[in-house]
Protein backbone atom coordinates (compact mmCIF):
# COMPACT_ATOMS: atom_id res chain seq x y z
CA UNK A 1 0.00 0.00 0.00
CA UNK A 2 1.63 3.21 -1.17
CA UNK A 3 0.30 6.69 -0.57
CA UNK A 4 0.64 9.23 -3.39
CA UNK A 5 0.54 13.01 -3.32
CA UNK A 6 -3.08 14.06 -2.98
CA UNK A 7 -4.95 16.48 -5.26
CA UNK A 8 -4.54 19.08 -2.48
CA UNK A 9 -0.76 18.81 -2.75
CA UNK A 10 1.76 18.39 0.05
CA UNK A 11 1.47 17.61 2.94
CA UNK A 12 -1.63 15.65 1.93
CA UNK A 13 -1.27 12.16 0.52
CA UNK A 14 -3.86 9.62 -0.59
CA UNK A 15 -4.31 5.92 -1.24
CA UNK A 16 -7.08 3.99 -3.00
CA UNK A 17 -8.91 1.33 -0.99
CA UNK A 18 -10.21 -1.42 -3.32
CA UNK A 19 -13.68 -2.60 -2.34
CA UNK A 20 -15.96 -5.43 -3.37
CA UNK A 21 -17.41 -4.83 -6.83
CA UNK A 22 -21.10 -3.97 -7.14
CA UNK A 23 -23.61 -3.97 -10.00
CA UNK A 24 -21.70 -1.13 -11.71
CA UNK A 25 -18.33 -2.88 -11.52
CA UNK A 26 -15.14 -1.77 -9.78
CA UNK A 27 -15.62 0.19 -6.56
CA UNK A 28 -13.07 1.97 -4.39
CA UNK A 29 -12.77 4.53 -1.63
CA UNK A 30 -9.97 7.02 -1.09
CA UNK A 31 -8.14 7.64 2.18
CA UNK A 32 -6.39 11.00 2.53
CA UNK A 33 -3.70 11.49 5.19
CA UNK A 34 -1.83 14.41 6.72
CA UNK A 35 0.58 13.87 9.56
CA UNK A 36 0.72 16.16 12.57
CA UNK A 37 3.94 18.12 12.96
CA UNK A 38 6.55 16.33 15.05
CA UNK A 39 6.82 17.77 18.57
CA UNK A 40 9.87 19.79 19.49
CA UNK A 41 10.69 17.60 22.47
CA UNK A 42 11.99 14.74 20.35
CA UNK A 43 9.08 12.44 21.21
CA UNK A 44 7.79 9.95 18.68
CA UNK A 45 4.91 10.31 16.22
CA UNK A 46 1.36 10.99 17.31
CA UNK A 47 -0.60 8.03 18.65
CA UNK A 48 -3.99 9.68 18.15
CA UNK A 49 -5.86 10.42 14.96
CA UNK A 50 -9.09 11.80 13.52
CA UNK A 51 -11.01 10.36 10.56
CA UNK A 52 -13.22 12.84 8.67
CA UNK A 53 -16.18 11.68 6.53
CA UNK A 54 -17.86 14.19 4.18
CA UNK A 55 -21.48 14.88 3.32
CA UNK A 56 -23.70 14.35 0.24
CA UNK A 57 -22.39 15.70 -3.09
CA UNK A 58 -19.18 16.42 -1.24
CA UNK A 59 -15.57 15.41 -0.65
CA UNK A 60 -12.75 16.44 1.67
CA UNK A 61 -11.30 19.88 0.89
CA UNK A 62 -11.56 21.72 4.24
CA UNK A 63 -7.83 22.09 4.91
CA UNK A 64 -8.41 24.52 7.78
CA UNK A 65 -10.20 21.67 9.60
CA UNK A 66 -7.10 19.52 9.15
CA UNK A 67 -5.02 22.46 10.45
CA UNK A 68 -7.12 22.51 13.63
CA UNK A 69 -6.54 18.83 14.35
CA UNK A 70 -2.88 18.61 13.40
CA UNK A 71 -2.07 21.66 15.53
CA UNK A 72 -3.44 19.67 18.48
CA UNK A 73 -1.31 16.64 17.80
CA UNK A 74 -3.81 14.56 15.80
CA UNK A 75 -2.79 12.87 12.58
CA UNK A 76 -5.57 13.76 10.15
CA UNK A 77 -7.32 11.31 7.82
CA UNK A 78 -10.27 11.87 5.51
CA UNK A 79 -12.29 9.25 3.67
CA UNK A 80 -13.90 9.97 0.32
CA UNK A 81 -16.60 7.29 0.28
CA UNK A 82 -17.35 5.12 -2.75
CA UNK A 83 -18.68 7.08 -5.73
CA UNK A 84 -17.90 10.43 -4.13
CA UNK A 85 -15.12 12.92 -4.81
CA UNK A 86 -11.75 11.29 -5.40
CA UNK A 87 -13.41 7.86 -5.52
CA UNK A 88 -15.86 8.64 -8.34
CA UNK A 89 -15.14 6.88 -11.65
CA UNK A 90 -16.76 7.34 -15.10
CA UNK A 91 -18.77 4.10 -14.81
CA UNK A 92 -20.26 5.09 -11.43
CA UNK A 93 -23.62 6.64 -10.70
CA UNK A 94 -22.50 9.46 -8.37
CA UNK A 95 -23.29 8.87 -4.69
CA UNK A 96 -25.27 5.70 -5.50
CA UNK A 97 -25.63 3.00 -2.84
CA UNK A 98 -28.43 0.59 -1.97
CA UNK A 99 -27.77 0.40 1.77
CA UNK A 100 -25.82 2.58 4.18
CA UNK A 101 -24.35 -0.59 5.70
CA UNK A 102 -22.26 -0.90 2.53
CA UNK A 103 -20.04 1.92 3.80
CA UNK A 104 -18.89 -0.32 6.67
CA UNK A 105 -16.39 -1.85 4.25
CA UNK A 106 -14.40 1.33 3.65
CA UNK A 107 -14.85 2.62 7.19
CA UNK A 108 -13.50 -0.62 8.64
CA UNK A 109 -10.57 -0.65 6.24
CA UNK A 110 -9.74 2.99 6.92
CA UNK A 111 -9.79 2.34 10.66
CA UNK A 112 -7.59 -0.74 10.20
CA UNK A 113 -5.01 1.41 8.43
CA UNK A 114 -5.23 4.19 11.01
CA UNK A 115 -4.92 1.84 13.98
CA UNK A 116 -2.97 -1.23 12.85
CA UNK A 117 -0.82 0.05 10.00
CA UNK A 118 -0.12 3.59 11.23
CA UNK A 119 -0.21 2.66 14.93
CA UNK A 120 -2.74 5.01 16.52
CA UNK A 121 -4.24 4.22 19.90
CA UNK A 122 -7.00 6.84 19.95
CA UNK A 123 -9.43 7.62 17.15
CA UNK A 124 -11.95 10.45 16.86
CA UNK A 125 -14.41 10.16 13.96
CA UNK A 126 -15.73 13.45 12.52
CA UNK A 127 -18.77 13.10 10.24
CA UNK A 128 -20.57 15.87 8.37
CA UNK A 129 -24.21 15.70 7.16
CA UNK A 130 -24.70 12.35 5.37
CA UNK A 131 -21.28 11.37 6.69
CA UNK A 132 -22.63 12.10 10.16
CA UNK A 133 -25.54 9.71 9.65
CA UNK A 134 -23.29 7.04 8.13
CA UNK A 135 -20.70 7.22 10.90
CA UNK A 136 -23.30 7.31 13.68
CA UNK A 137 -24.92 4.11 12.39
CA UNK A 138 -21.49 2.50 11.92
CA UNK A 139 -20.39 3.48 15.45
CA UNK A 140 -23.61 1.94 16.79
CA UNK A 141 -22.84 -1.33 14.99
CA UNK A 142 -19.25 -1.29 16.27
CA UNK A 143 -20.20 -0.57 19.90
CA UNK A 144 -18.20 -2.62 22.38
CA UNK A 145 -15.35 -3.30 19.95
CA UNK A 146 -13.06 -0.43 20.93
CA UNK A 147 -12.95 0.81 17.34
CA UNK A 148 -13.66 4.49 17.99
CA UNK A 149 -13.08 6.70 21.04
CA UNK A 150 -15.27 9.70 20.23
CA UNK A 151 -17.65 11.03 17.58
CA UNK A 152 -18.03 14.62 16.38
CA UNK A 153 -21.09 15.12 14.19
CA UNK A 154 -21.31 18.36 12.23
CA UNK A 155 -24.96 18.94 11.15
CA UNK A 156 -25.61 15.19 10.80
CA UNK A 157 -28.34 14.13 8.37
CA UNK A 158 -30.59 12.51 10.99
CA UNK A 159 -33.92 13.48 9.46
CA UNK A 160 -35.44 14.52 6.16
CA UNK A 161 -36.03 18.29 5.83
CA UNK A 162 -39.79 17.78 5.79
CA UNK A 163 -42.62 17.48 8.29
CA UNK A 164 -43.27 14.20 10.10
CA UNK A 165 -46.54 13.64 8.21
CA UNK A 166 -44.79 13.95 4.84
CA UNK A 167 -42.01 11.63 5.99
CA UNK A 168 -44.48 9.03 7.24
CA UNK A 169 -46.77 9.07 4.22
CA UNK A 170 -43.93 9.16 1.69
CA UNK A 171 -41.71 6.47 3.23
CA UNK A 172 -43.56 3.39 1.90
CA UNK A 173 -43.55 4.75 -1.65
CA UNK A 174 -39.85 5.56 -1.50
CA UNK A 175 -39.05 2.11 -0.08
CA UNK A 176 -41.00 0.42 -2.86
CA UNK A 177 -39.38 2.54 -5.56
CA UNK A 178 -35.96 1.83 -4.08
CA UNK A 179 -36.57 -1.91 -4.39
CA UNK A 180 -38.18 -1.90 -7.81
CA UNK A 181 -36.34 0.92 -9.61
CA UNK A 182 -33.36 1.75 -7.43
CA UNK A 183 -31.33 3.40 -10.18
CA UNK A 184 -34.12 5.79 -11.16
CA UNK A 185 -33.14 9.43 -10.68
CA UNK A 186 -35.87 11.27 -8.87
CA UNK A 187 -37.09 14.67 -10.06
CA UNK A 188 -35.63 17.31 -7.79
CA UNK A 189 -35.84 21.10 -8.19
CA UNK A 190 -32.50 22.79 -8.84
CA UNK A 191 -30.96 24.10 -5.62
CA UNK A 192 -27.58 25.69 -6.35
CA UNK A 193 -27.85 28.43 -3.75
CA UNK A 194 -26.10 26.59 -0.90
CA UNK A 195 -22.99 25.93 -2.99
CA UNK A 196 -23.21 29.47 -4.37
CA UNK A 197 -23.14 30.76 -0.77
CA UNK A 198 -19.87 28.87 -0.19
CA UNK A 199 -17.77 29.03 -3.35
CA UNK A 200 -15.67 32.13 -3.98
CA UNK A 201 -16.61 32.17 -7.68
CA UNK A 202 -20.18 32.98 -6.62
CA UNK A 203 -21.06 34.57 -3.25
CA UNK A 204 -18.81 32.65 -0.88
CA UNK A 205 -15.26 32.60 0.47
CA UNK A 206 -14.12 29.02 -0.11
CA UNK A 207 -12.27 27.23 -2.89
CA UNK A 208 -13.22 23.70 -3.93
CA UNK A 209 -13.58 21.66 -7.10
CA UNK A 210 -17.01 22.26 -8.62
CA UNK A 211 -16.66 19.05 -10.63
CA UNK A 212 -16.57 17.10 -7.37
CA UNK A 213 -19.07 19.30 -5.49
CA UNK A 214 -21.24 20.80 -8.23
CA UNK A 215 -23.73 23.53 -7.44
CA UNK A 216 -26.56 21.62 -9.14
CA UNK A 217 -25.69 18.35 -7.43
CA UNK A 218 -25.65 14.92 -9.09
CA UNK A 219 -29.27 13.95 -8.68
CA UNK A 220 -30.94 11.66 -6.15
CA UNK A 221 -31.41 7.95 -6.84
CA UNK A 222 -34.41 6.06 -5.50
CA UNK A 223 -32.33 3.35 -3.78
CA UNK A 224 -30.11 5.95 -2.11
CA UNK A 225 -33.13 7.83 -0.77
CA UNK A 226 -34.67 4.60 0.51
CA UNK A 227 -31.38 3.74 2.24
CA UNK A 228 -31.29 7.18 3.88
CA UNK A 229 -34.86 6.77 5.13
CA UNK A 230 -33.99 3.36 6.57
CA UNK A 231 -31.09 5.00 8.40
CA UNK A 232 -33.39 7.67 9.76
CA UNK A 233 -35.78 5.04 11.09
CA UNK A 234 -32.89 3.39 12.92
CA UNK A 235 -31.99 6.70 14.52
CA UNK A 236 -35.57 7.37 15.60
CA UNK A 237 -35.72 3.93 17.24
CA UNK A 238 -32.58 4.87 19.16
CA UNK A 239 -28.90 3.95 18.79
CA UNK A 240 -26.48 2.81 21.46
CA UNK A 241 -23.22 4.55 20.58
CA UNK A 242 -20.94 3.77 23.52
CA UNK A 243 -18.47 6.65 23.26
CA UNK A 244 -18.88 10.42 23.87
CA UNK A 245 -20.66 12.20 21.03
CA UNK A 246 -20.48 15.89 20.22
CA UNK A 247 -23.36 17.01 17.99
CA UNK A 248 -23.37 20.50 16.53
CA UNK A 249 -26.10 22.20 14.53
CA UNK A 250 -26.99 25.73 13.51
CA UNK A 251 -29.59 27.70 15.45
CA UNK A 252 -31.72 28.39 12.38
CA UNK A 253 -32.57 26.93 8.97
CA UNK A 254 -33.75 28.49 5.74
CA UNK A 255 -35.83 27.19 2.86
CA UNK A 256 -34.84 29.79 0.29
CA UNK A 257 -35.62 28.80 -3.30
CA UNK A 258 -33.71 31.78 -4.66
CA UNK A 259 -30.75 33.79 -3.45
CA UNK A 260 -31.14 35.23 0.05
CA UNK A 261 -28.42 36.70 2.29
CA UNK A 262 -29.75 34.43 5.07
CA UNK A 263 -27.94 31.58 3.33
CA UNK A 264 -24.74 32.95 4.88
CA UNK A 265 -26.02 32.47 8.44
CA UNK A 266 -28.45 29.52 8.41
CA UNK A 267 -28.53 25.82 7.56
CA UNK A 268 -29.91 25.87 4.02
CA UNK A 269 -29.90 22.08 3.63
CA UNK A 270 -31.42 20.47 6.75
CA UNK A 271 -33.71 21.46 9.61
CA UNK A 272 -31.34 22.25 12.46
CA UNK A 273 -34.03 21.91 15.13
CA UNK A 274 -34.76 18.35 14.01
CA UNK A 275 -31.06 17.48 14.19
CA UNK A 276 -30.77 18.78 17.73
CA UNK A 277 -33.98 17.05 18.83
CA UNK A 278 -32.73 13.66 17.66
CA UNK A 279 -29.32 13.97 19.30
CA UNK A 280 -30.30 12.19 22.56
CA UNK A 281 -31.33 9.12 20.53
CA UNK A 282 -27.74 8.49 19.44
CA UNK A 283 -26.48 7.20 22.77
CA UNK A 284 -26.23 7.89 26.49
CA UNK A 285 -23.44 10.47 26.34
CA UNK A 286 -24.31 13.18 23.81
CA UNK A 287 -23.30 16.84 24.05
CA UNK A 288 -25.34 19.18 21.83
CA UNK A 289 -24.09 22.61 20.76
CA UNK A 290 -26.13 25.07 18.69
CA UNK A 291 -24.09 27.55 16.64
CA UNK A 292 -25.66 30.94 16.02
CA UNK A 293 -25.20 32.13 12.41
CA UNK A 294 -23.79 28.74 11.44
CA UNK A 295 -24.31 27.30 7.96
CA UNK A 296 -24.90 23.66 7.09
CA UNK A 297 -21.23 22.72 7.06
CA UNK A 298 -20.43 24.56 10.26
CA UNK A 299 -16.69 24.73 9.59
CA UNK A 300 -17.49 26.76 6.44
CA UNK A 301 -19.43 29.38 8.39
CA UNK A 302 -18.38 33.04 8.64
CA UNK A 303 -15.48 33.93 10.92
CA UNK A 304 -17.25 34.27 14.28
CA UNK A 305 -19.51 31.20 14.14
CA UNK A 306 -16.64 29.16 12.72
CA UNK A 307 -14.41 30.29 15.60
CA UNK A 308 -17.10 29.20 18.05
CA UNK A 309 -17.28 25.76 16.41
CA UNK A 310 -13.57 25.29 16.96
CA UNK A 311 -13.68 26.63 20.53
CA UNK A 312 -16.47 24.24 21.45
CA UNK A 313 -14.76 21.32 19.72
CA UNK A 314 -11.48 22.14 21.46
CA UNK A 315 -13.17 22.23 24.86
CA UNK A 316 -15.03 18.97 24.26
CA UNK A 317 -11.89 17.17 23.07
CA UNK A 318 -9.99 18.33 26.15
CA UNK A 319 -12.77 17.05 28.40
CA UNK A 320 -13.52 13.68 26.82
CA UNK A 321 -10.44 12.51 24.91
CA UNK A 322 -7.14 11.60 26.58
CA UNK A 323 -4.06 13.76 26.35
CA UNK A 324 -1.72 13.09 23.40
CA UNK A 325 0.29 9.90 23.74
CA UNK A 326 3.50 9.69 21.80
CA UNK A 327 6.00 6.90 21.73
């Protein structure tokens, strides 16, 4: 297994993780790595690490998030899941999966590399949006195995951005369509405004590859939506994650269908109140933080709310994760 220089350039490096083939053929995930700076006291490499998992129509590009972790002695890893970002191939339907359990394969392999190959004793998993849902369900299934030591969920996709009546009435139809016509792309209205609020070529401040995170998205497949709904039902029944969980969400959401300056200070993708309400169902040790003026990906918020995200994360890590161990 040989890492190569990542698309972000040094000091980021990446390696492909071959996975079991599916109905579309070859499948892989991509693990990105950045080492923490060596300490000045001559001690050995870091023995603790963080694994970041992105959201829907997304990939890892938030280098300032990696800066935060590496400055605190964490080796940083990010996983581009199958058919997302660096892992997307021409024969793939972007983001397509029939069950969220399928992601266990790349998560388990990434953790094996982090722990067994690279020798880390402590692992924090940081999931955003869909990555937050995926990692929460995975952590629940891995409870009692000592695989993960903490979970930070940034606006996790725990519920559909619709009322409970709509979710209940629509779920059987989506499940049936997912079984019978899983590869059908569902009609969705164009919603480029969230990406426009982020990218510096539009109305934002951030730089990322619009081929990997396009403003118009990639479309929603019936099987993927059914898998998401199944994950949401699991959350509503209650999970038993056995490590400390930090859940963060914005204080407000917006449903703008055209450009609105509120997109710079609200969650324009999910209903933040629903996220916060479901937090206690993840496990017995959940800390919830609401971030005023935060956007959906909280670490891409404006300066002050972003600073608060990092202050709260720093305080939580100091309280619930052990001090750095080097040797």
